[in-house]
Protein backbone atom coordinates (compact mmCIF):
# COMPACT_ATOMS: atom_id res chain seq x y z
CA MET A 1 6.34 -16.91 -16.67
CA LYS A 2 4.51 -15.77 -13.57
CA ARG A 3 5.68 -17.48 -10.40
CA PRO A 4 3.09 -19.23 -8.23
CA ASP A 5 2.13 -17.53 -4.98
CA ASP A 6 4.57 -18.33 -2.19
CA THR A 7 3.02 -18.14 1.26
CA SER A 8 5.20 -20.80 2.83
CA HIS A 9 7.38 -18.25 4.60
CA ILE A 10 4.71 -16.04 6.16
CA GLU A 11 5.86 -14.75 9.50
CA THR A 12 4.23 -16.52 12.41
CA SER A 13 6.86 -16.33 15.13
CA GLY A 14 6.17 -13.55 17.57
CA ALA A 15 2.64 -13.00 16.26
CA PRO A 16 0.31 -11.53 18.89
CA LYS A 17 -2.13 -13.96 20.45
CA ALA A 18 -5.77 -13.43 19.55
CA ARG A 19 -7.71 -11.57 22.22
CA ARG A 20 -11.46 -11.88 22.46
CA SER A 21 -14.02 -9.82 24.33
CA ALA A 22 -17.76 -10.16 24.76
CA GLY A 23 -19.49 -9.15 21.53
CA THR A 24 -16.48 -9.97 19.38
CA ASN A 25 -17.18 -11.94 16.21
CA LEU A 26 -14.01 -13.62 15.00
CA SER A 27 -15.58 -15.08 11.87
CA VAL A 28 -14.01 -13.66 8.73
CA ASP A 29 -16.05 -12.05 5.97
CA LEU A 30 -14.17 -11.82 2.68
CA THR A 31 -17.12 -10.86 0.49
CA ALA A 32 -15.84 -7.28 0.30
CA VAL A 33 -12.30 -8.13 -0.84
CA GLU A 34 -12.56 -6.52 -4.28
CA ARG A 35 -14.12 -3.40 -2.78
CA VAL A 36 -11.37 -3.17 -0.20
CA GLN A 37 -8.70 -3.63 -2.85
CA ALA A 38 -10.12 -0.75 -4.88
CA MET A 39 -10.31 1.48 -1.78
CA VAL A 40 -6.78 0.72 -0.62
CA LEU A 41 -5.06 1.01 -3.99
CA GLY A 42 -7.07 4.06 -5.02
CA TRP A 43 -6.11 5.84 -1.82
CA TYR A 44 -2.47 4.80 -2.12
CA ALA A 45 -2.19 6.11 -5.68
CA VAL A 46 -2.84 9.61 -4.35
CA HIS A 47 -1.64 9.55 -0.74
CA ALA A 48 1.30 7.12 -0.55
CA ARG A 49 3.96 8.23 1.87
CA ARG A 50 7.20 9.18 0.15
CA PHE A 51 10.39 7.60 1.43
CA VAL A 52 13.89 7.40 0.02
CA TRP A 53 13.63 3.59 -0.18
CA ARG A 54 10.31 3.60 -2.04
CA VAL A 55 11.09 3.76 -5.74
CA PRO A 56 9.59 1.84 -8.68
CA ASN A 57 12.52 -0.58 -9.08
CA PRO A 58 14.41 -0.50 -5.80
CA ASP A 59 17.89 -1.84 -5.24
CA PRO A 60 17.44 -5.08 -3.23
CA TYR A 61 20.35 -4.02 -1.03
CA VAL A 62 18.56 -0.78 -0.11
CA VAL A 63 15.35 -2.71 0.61
CA LEU A 64 17.17 -5.09 2.97
CA VAL A 65 18.97 -2.28 4.80
CA SER A 66 15.83 -0.18 5.17
CA GLU A 67 13.74 -3.14 6.37
CA THR A 68 16.39 -4.00 8.96
CA MET A 69 16.40 -0.42 10.21
CA LEU A 70 12.61 -0.12 10.25
CA GLN A 71 12.10 -3.12 12.51
CA GLN A 72 12.97 -1.21 15.68
CA THR A 73 13.27 2.45 14.70
CA GLN A 74 10.77 5.14 13.77
CA THR A 75 10.28 5.86 10.09
CA ALA A 76 11.25 9.52 10.37
CA ARG A 77 14.62 8.58 11.85
CA ILE A 78 15.29 6.09 9.02
CA GLN A 79 14.40 8.73 6.44
CA GLU A 80 17.21 10.82 7.92
CA LYS A 81 19.79 8.10 8.61
CA LEU A 82 19.47 5.78 5.61
CA PRO A 83 21.07 8.15 3.04
CA LEU A 84 24.04 8.68 5.38
CA PHE A 85 24.44 4.94 5.89
CA LEU A 86 24.27 4.27 2.14
CA ARG A 87 26.95 6.84 1.44
CA GLN A 88 29.27 4.99 3.79
CA TYR A 89 28.12 1.52 2.71
CA PRO A 90 26.75 1.72 -0.85
CA ASP A 91 26.58 -2.04 -1.47
CA PHE A 92 27.05 -5.48 0.05
CA ASN A 93 30.79 -5.50 -0.66
CA ALA A 94 31.38 -2.29 1.27
CA LEU A 95 29.24 -3.44 4.16
CA ALA A 96 30.87 -6.87 4.29
CA ALA A 97 34.32 -5.31 4.60
CA THR A 98 33.58 -3.18 7.66
CA ASP A 99 34.54 -4.05 11.23
CA ASN A 100 32.33 -4.05 14.30
CA ALA A 101 33.42 -0.70 15.73
CA THR A 102 33.01 1.16 12.44
CA ILE A 103 29.51 -0.10 11.70
CA ILE A 104 28.37 0.48 15.28
CA ARG A 105 29.50 4.09 14.91
CA ALA A 106 27.64 4.33 11.59
CA TRP A 107 24.53 2.93 13.31
CA GLN A 108 24.42 5.83 15.78
CA GLY A 109 20.93 7.08 16.61
CA MET A 110 19.06 3.95 15.57
CA GLY A 111 19.34 1.80 18.69
CA TYR A 112 19.42 -1.98 19.01
CA ASN A 113 23.03 -2.11 17.82
CA ASN A 114 23.00 -5.90 17.39
CA ARG A 115 21.03 -5.28 14.21
CA ALA A 116 24.05 -3.58 12.67
CA LEU A 117 26.25 -6.60 13.31
CA ARG A 118 23.63 -9.01 11.98
CA LEU A 119 23.22 -6.91 8.84
CA ARG A 120 27.00 -6.87 8.31
CA ASP A 121 27.17 -10.65 8.82
CA CYS A 122 24.38 -11.08 6.29
CA ALA A 123 26.33 -8.92 3.81
CA ARG A 124 29.37 -11.15 4.25
CA ALA A 125 27.28 -14.22 3.47
CA VAL A 126 25.83 -12.53 0.37
CA VAL A 127 29.33 -11.68 -0.88
CA GLU A 128 30.79 -15.10 -0.08
CA ARG A 129 27.92 -17.24 -1.36
CA PHE A 130 26.09 -15.13 -3.95
CA GLY A 131 28.77 -12.89 -5.43
CA GLY A 132 27.50 -9.75 -3.74
CA LEU A 133 23.97 -9.99 -5.20
CA LEU A 134 21.00 -10.60 -2.91
CA PRO A 135 19.29 -13.86 -3.93
CA ASP A 136 15.67 -13.71 -5.09
CA THR A 137 14.27 -16.99 -3.77
CA ALA A 138 12.74 -17.65 -0.37
CA ASP A 139 14.99 -20.63 0.36
CA ASP A 140 18.19 -18.72 -0.38
CA LEU A 141 17.06 -15.70 1.61
CA ARG A 142 16.11 -17.88 4.57
CA SER A 143 19.61 -19.35 4.53
CA LEU A 144 21.21 -15.95 5.20
CA PRO A 145 22.09 -15.07 8.82
CA GLY A 146 19.78 -12.63 10.57
CA LEU A 147 16.88 -12.79 8.09
CA GLY A 148 13.63 -13.78 9.78
CA PRO A 149 10.36 -14.73 8.08
CA TYR A 150 9.04 -11.16 7.87
CA THR A 151 12.23 -9.79 6.29
CA VAL A 152 12.30 -12.62 3.74
CA SER A 153 8.74 -11.92 2.63
CA ALA A 154 9.28 -8.13 2.62
CA VAL A 155 12.37 -8.44 0.42
CA LEU A 156 10.63 -10.79 -2.00
CA SER A 157 7.65 -8.44 -2.30
CA PHE A 158 9.29 -5.00 -2.21
CA ALA A 159 12.59 -5.74 -3.97
CA PHE A 160 11.65 -8.51 -6.40
CA HIS A 161 7.89 -7.91 -6.82
CA ARG A 162 7.03 -11.50 -6.02
CA ASP A 163 3.44 -12.46 -5.27
CA VAL A 164 3.90 -13.22 -1.57
CA VAL A 165 2.10 -12.41 1.65
CA VAL A 166 3.73 -9.83 3.94
CA LEU A 167 2.50 -9.74 7.52
CA ASP A 168 3.79 -7.37 10.16
CA VAL A 169 2.08 -6.15 13.32
CA ASN A 170 0.48 -3.22 11.48
CA ILE A 171 -1.02 -5.29 8.67
CA ARG A 172 -2.22 -7.87 11.20
CA ARG A 173 -4.08 -5.12 13.03
CA LEU A 174 -5.62 -3.72 9.85
CA TYR A 175 -6.76 -7.10 8.51
CA SER A 176 -8.20 -8.11 11.89
CA ARG A 177 -10.35 -4.99 12.10
CA LEU A 178 -11.35 -4.94 8.44
CA PHE A 179 -12.48 -8.54 8.16
CA GLY A 180 -13.32 -9.47 11.75
CA GLN A 181 -15.89 -7.77 13.97
CA LEU A 182 -13.83 -6.65 16.94
CA THR A 183 -14.76 -4.58 19.98
CA THR A 184 -11.47 -3.43 21.54
CA THR A 185 -8.20 -2.06 20.18
CA LEU A 186 -6.24 -4.98 21.63
CA GLU A 187 -8.02 -7.71 19.72
CA VAL A 188 -6.60 -9.44 16.67
CA LEU A 189 -7.83 -12.40 14.68
CA PRO A 190 -6.38 -15.84 15.48
CA GLU A 191 -3.28 -16.59 13.41
CA PRO A 192 -4.89 -19.25 11.17
CA GLN A 193 -7.62 -16.80 10.16
CA LEU A 194 -5.12 -14.01 9.62
CA LEU A 195 -3.06 -16.23 7.32
CA HIS A 196 -6.19 -17.12 5.38
CA VAL A 197 -7.17 -13.46 5.02
CA ALA A 198 -3.62 -12.46 4.08
CA SER A 199 -3.38 -15.03 1.30
CA GLU A 200 -6.78 -14.13 -0.16
CA VAL A 201 -6.86 -10.35 0.07
CA TYR A 202 -3.81 -9.04 -1.75
CA PRO A 203 -4.17 -8.48 -5.53
CA ARG A 204 -1.86 -10.71 -7.53
CA GLY A 205 0.76 -8.81 -9.44
CA ARG A 206 0.63 -5.88 -6.98
CA SER A 207 1.98 -7.39 -3.77
CA SER A 208 4.54 -4.63 -3.15
CA GLU A 209 2.11 -1.79 -3.75
CA TRP A 210 -0.65 -3.47 -1.75
CA HIS A 211 1.34 -4.27 1.36
CA GLN A 212 2.99 -0.86 1.52
CA ALA A 213 -0.44 0.74 1.14
CA CYS A 214 -1.77 -1.36 4.03
CA MET A 215 1.19 -0.35 6.18
CA ASP A 216 0.52 3.33 5.43
CA ILE A 217 -3.16 3.07 6.32
CA ALA A 218 -2.40 1.17 9.51
CA ALA A 219 0.25 3.70 10.53
CA GLN A 220 -1.84 6.79 9.83
CA TYR A 221 -5.43 5.73 10.53
CA CYS A 222 -5.81 2.22 11.92
CA THR A 223 -3.47 2.88 14.82
CA ALA A 224 -2.97 0.58 17.78
CA ARG A 225 -4.50 2.75 20.50
CA SER A 226 -6.77 5.37 18.92
CA PRO A 227 -7.94 4.45 15.41
CA ARG A 228 -9.09 7.41 13.28
CA CYS A 229 -12.14 5.71 11.78
CA LEU A 230 -13.74 9.00 10.75
CA PHE A 231 -10.93 9.71 8.29
CA CYS A 232 -9.82 6.19 7.33
CA PRO A 233 -10.06 5.42 3.59
CA VAL A 234 -11.48 1.92 4.24
CA THR A 235 -14.00 2.79 6.95
CA LYS A 236 -17.01 2.03 4.73
CA ALA A 237 -15.84 -1.56 4.28
CA CYS A 238 -14.53 -2.11 7.81
CA ARG A 239 -16.48 -4.47 10.08
CA SER A 240 -14.96 -2.91 13.22
CA ALA A 241 -15.24 0.78 12.34
CA PHE A 242 -16.42 2.97 15.24
CA ARG A 243 -16.83 -0.14 17.43
CA LEU A 244 -13.42 -0.31 19.08
CA ALA A 245 -13.08 0.60 22.74
CA GLU A 246 -9.55 1.65 23.62
CA ALA A 247 -7.82 -0.94 25.76
CA VAL A 248 -4.38 -0.67 27.34
CA PRO A 249 -2.12 -3.70 26.87
CA PRO A 250 -0.75 -5.29 30.03
CA ARG A 251 2.63 -3.91 30.92
CA VAL A 252 5.42 -6.33 30.08
CA SER A 253 8.21 -6.35 32.64
CA GLU A 254 11.81 -6.43 31.45
CA PRO A 255 15.17 -6.52 33.22
CA SER A 256 15.85 -3.08 34.69
CA HIS A 257 18.19 -1.13 36.93
CA ARG A 258 17.40 2.07 38.78
CA GLY A 259 14.00 2.19 37.12
CA LYS A 260 15.28 2.00 33.53
CA PRO A 261 15.31 -1.08 31.26
CA ASN A 262 18.68 -2.73 30.72
CA ARG A 263 18.36 -2.12 26.98
CA ILE A 264 18.44 1.64 27.65
CA TRP A 265 21.57 1.30 29.77
CA ARG A 266 23.20 -0.86 27.09
CA GLY A 267 22.49 1.86 24.56
CA ARG A 268 24.03 4.49 26.83
CA ILE A 269 27.21 2.45 27.24
CA ILE A 270 27.56 1.97 23.49
CA GLU A 271 26.95 5.68 22.98
CA LEU A 272 29.73 6.57 25.43
CA LEU A 273 32.15 4.19 23.70
CA ARG A 274 31.07 5.46 20.30
CA GLY A 275 32.25 8.93 21.29
CA LEU A 276 35.80 7.77 22.03
CA PRO A 277 38.61 8.08 19.47
CA SER A 278 39.13 4.69 17.85
CA ASP A 279 42.47 4.15 19.66
CA GLN A 280 41.15 4.86 23.15
CA THR A 281 39.47 2.71 25.79
CA MET A 282 37.30 3.45 28.81
CA GLY A 283 37.90 2.03 32.26
CA ILE A 284 35.05 0.28 34.05
CA THR A 285 35.40 2.66 37.00
CA GLU A 286 35.13 5.67 34.68
CA LEU A 287 32.13 4.12 32.97
CA ARG A 288 30.39 3.52 36.29
CA THR A 289 31.00 7.14 37.32
CA LEU A 290 29.61 8.47 34.05
CA LEU A 291 26.50 6.32 34.37
CA PHE A 292 25.96 6.85 38.10
CA PRO A 293 27.34 10.07 39.64
CA THR A 294 26.00 8.80 42.96
CA GLU A 295 26.85 5.15 43.36
CA GLU A 296 24.62 2.49 44.90
CA GLU A 297 25.72 -0.88 46.22
CA THR A 298 24.08 -2.82 43.40
CA ASP A 299 25.65 -0.76 40.59
CA GLY A 300 28.95 -2.66 40.43
CA PRO A 301 27.63 -6.22 40.13
CA TRP A 302 24.89 -5.09 37.76
CA LEU A 303 27.38 -3.29 35.49
CA GLU A 304 29.62 -6.36 35.39
CA ARG A 305 26.69 -8.41 34.05
CA ILE A 306 25.84 -5.78 31.42
CA VAL A 307 29.45 -5.48 30.24
CA ALA A 308 29.73 -9.27 30.04
CA ALA A 309 26.56 -9.41 27.93
CA LEU A 310 27.81 -6.69 25.57
CA GLU A 311 31.07 -8.59 25.15
CA ARG A 312 29.19 -11.84 24.55
CA ASP A 313 27.08 -10.11 21.87
CA GLY A 314 30.18 -9.00 19.99
CA LEU A 315 29.68 -5.29 20.62
CA ILE A 316 32.67 -4.58 22.87
CA ASP A 317 36.09 -5.94 23.80
CA ARG A 318 37.33 -5.99 27.39
CA ASP A 319 40.90 -6.01 28.62
CA GLN A 320 40.62 -7.91 31.89
CA ALA A 321 44.10 -6.90 33.07
CA ALA A 322 43.53 -3.18 32.54
CA ASN A 323 39.82 -3.49 33.33
CA ASP A 324 38.81 -1.30 30.41
CA ILE A 325 36.54 -1.67 27.37
CA ARG A 326 36.18 -0.43 23.81
CA LEU A 327 33.98 -1.06 20.80
CA ARG A 328 34.96 -4.35 19.19
CA SER A 329 37.04 -3.81 16.07
């Protein structure tokens, strides 16, 4: 029996606020839905991007791992790293059994190392509560640690072929331009209208294919800064085609030191610790010298705060007496 559509878990947290400029028409026109569906799916049948995680009946474990990686890392890097990761951790049981230091080393090159720990913690919950098999209902998926609304909907669509809405930043951008009449590259439809469009536009029974096709078109043609309307497969149905003036988003400030964001420095520290033999530690003084060959007065207090945060996040252990650190085991 076909399951009813489930849109109750559409991602809304973190959605970009609607921006509106003079000449923008935020009313939604869905009269061309069937035409758009034919354009998108026809194009995808011939031009779909090929990835190691895109197979007709994917392993739900592989879908979850790839979606976790893709959230903060470029697709080309995941194409390279995912097979290596799966060789080391072929299933939830293997991933659940690993310690912090080992998985952080396996996560090398993908950044945002907290994701590795959250994924491992999720695997432990899957093993403990679901016998090592990823559940296939929204409620059960939501109950797992580290799975946000987008990941839940992506897993349901891509792994279990459920009729659900999947909304990420790329699909939001594509839908806004297709069905709203926008004038700048920064504009998106208000969230209520986007949710309405998202629930109406995808063809039932083809949620996985549809949403991956939309992601491909958004990534290759309907890009954030310089959309390639001349070559886009849905240009003839797009209400914003050739109308979008490029606009630069306001720069968002973030905690920094010596002109670089703290997240970059955190990554450098983890990378230095990753290179140590598993039985060795690194002194704080040595770490400071490696990071800053020429020391400034603010380096010491700043580094103390960063090390404390890494310890709090479960990424490192610190021996206060010896004043040295290592990846948490």
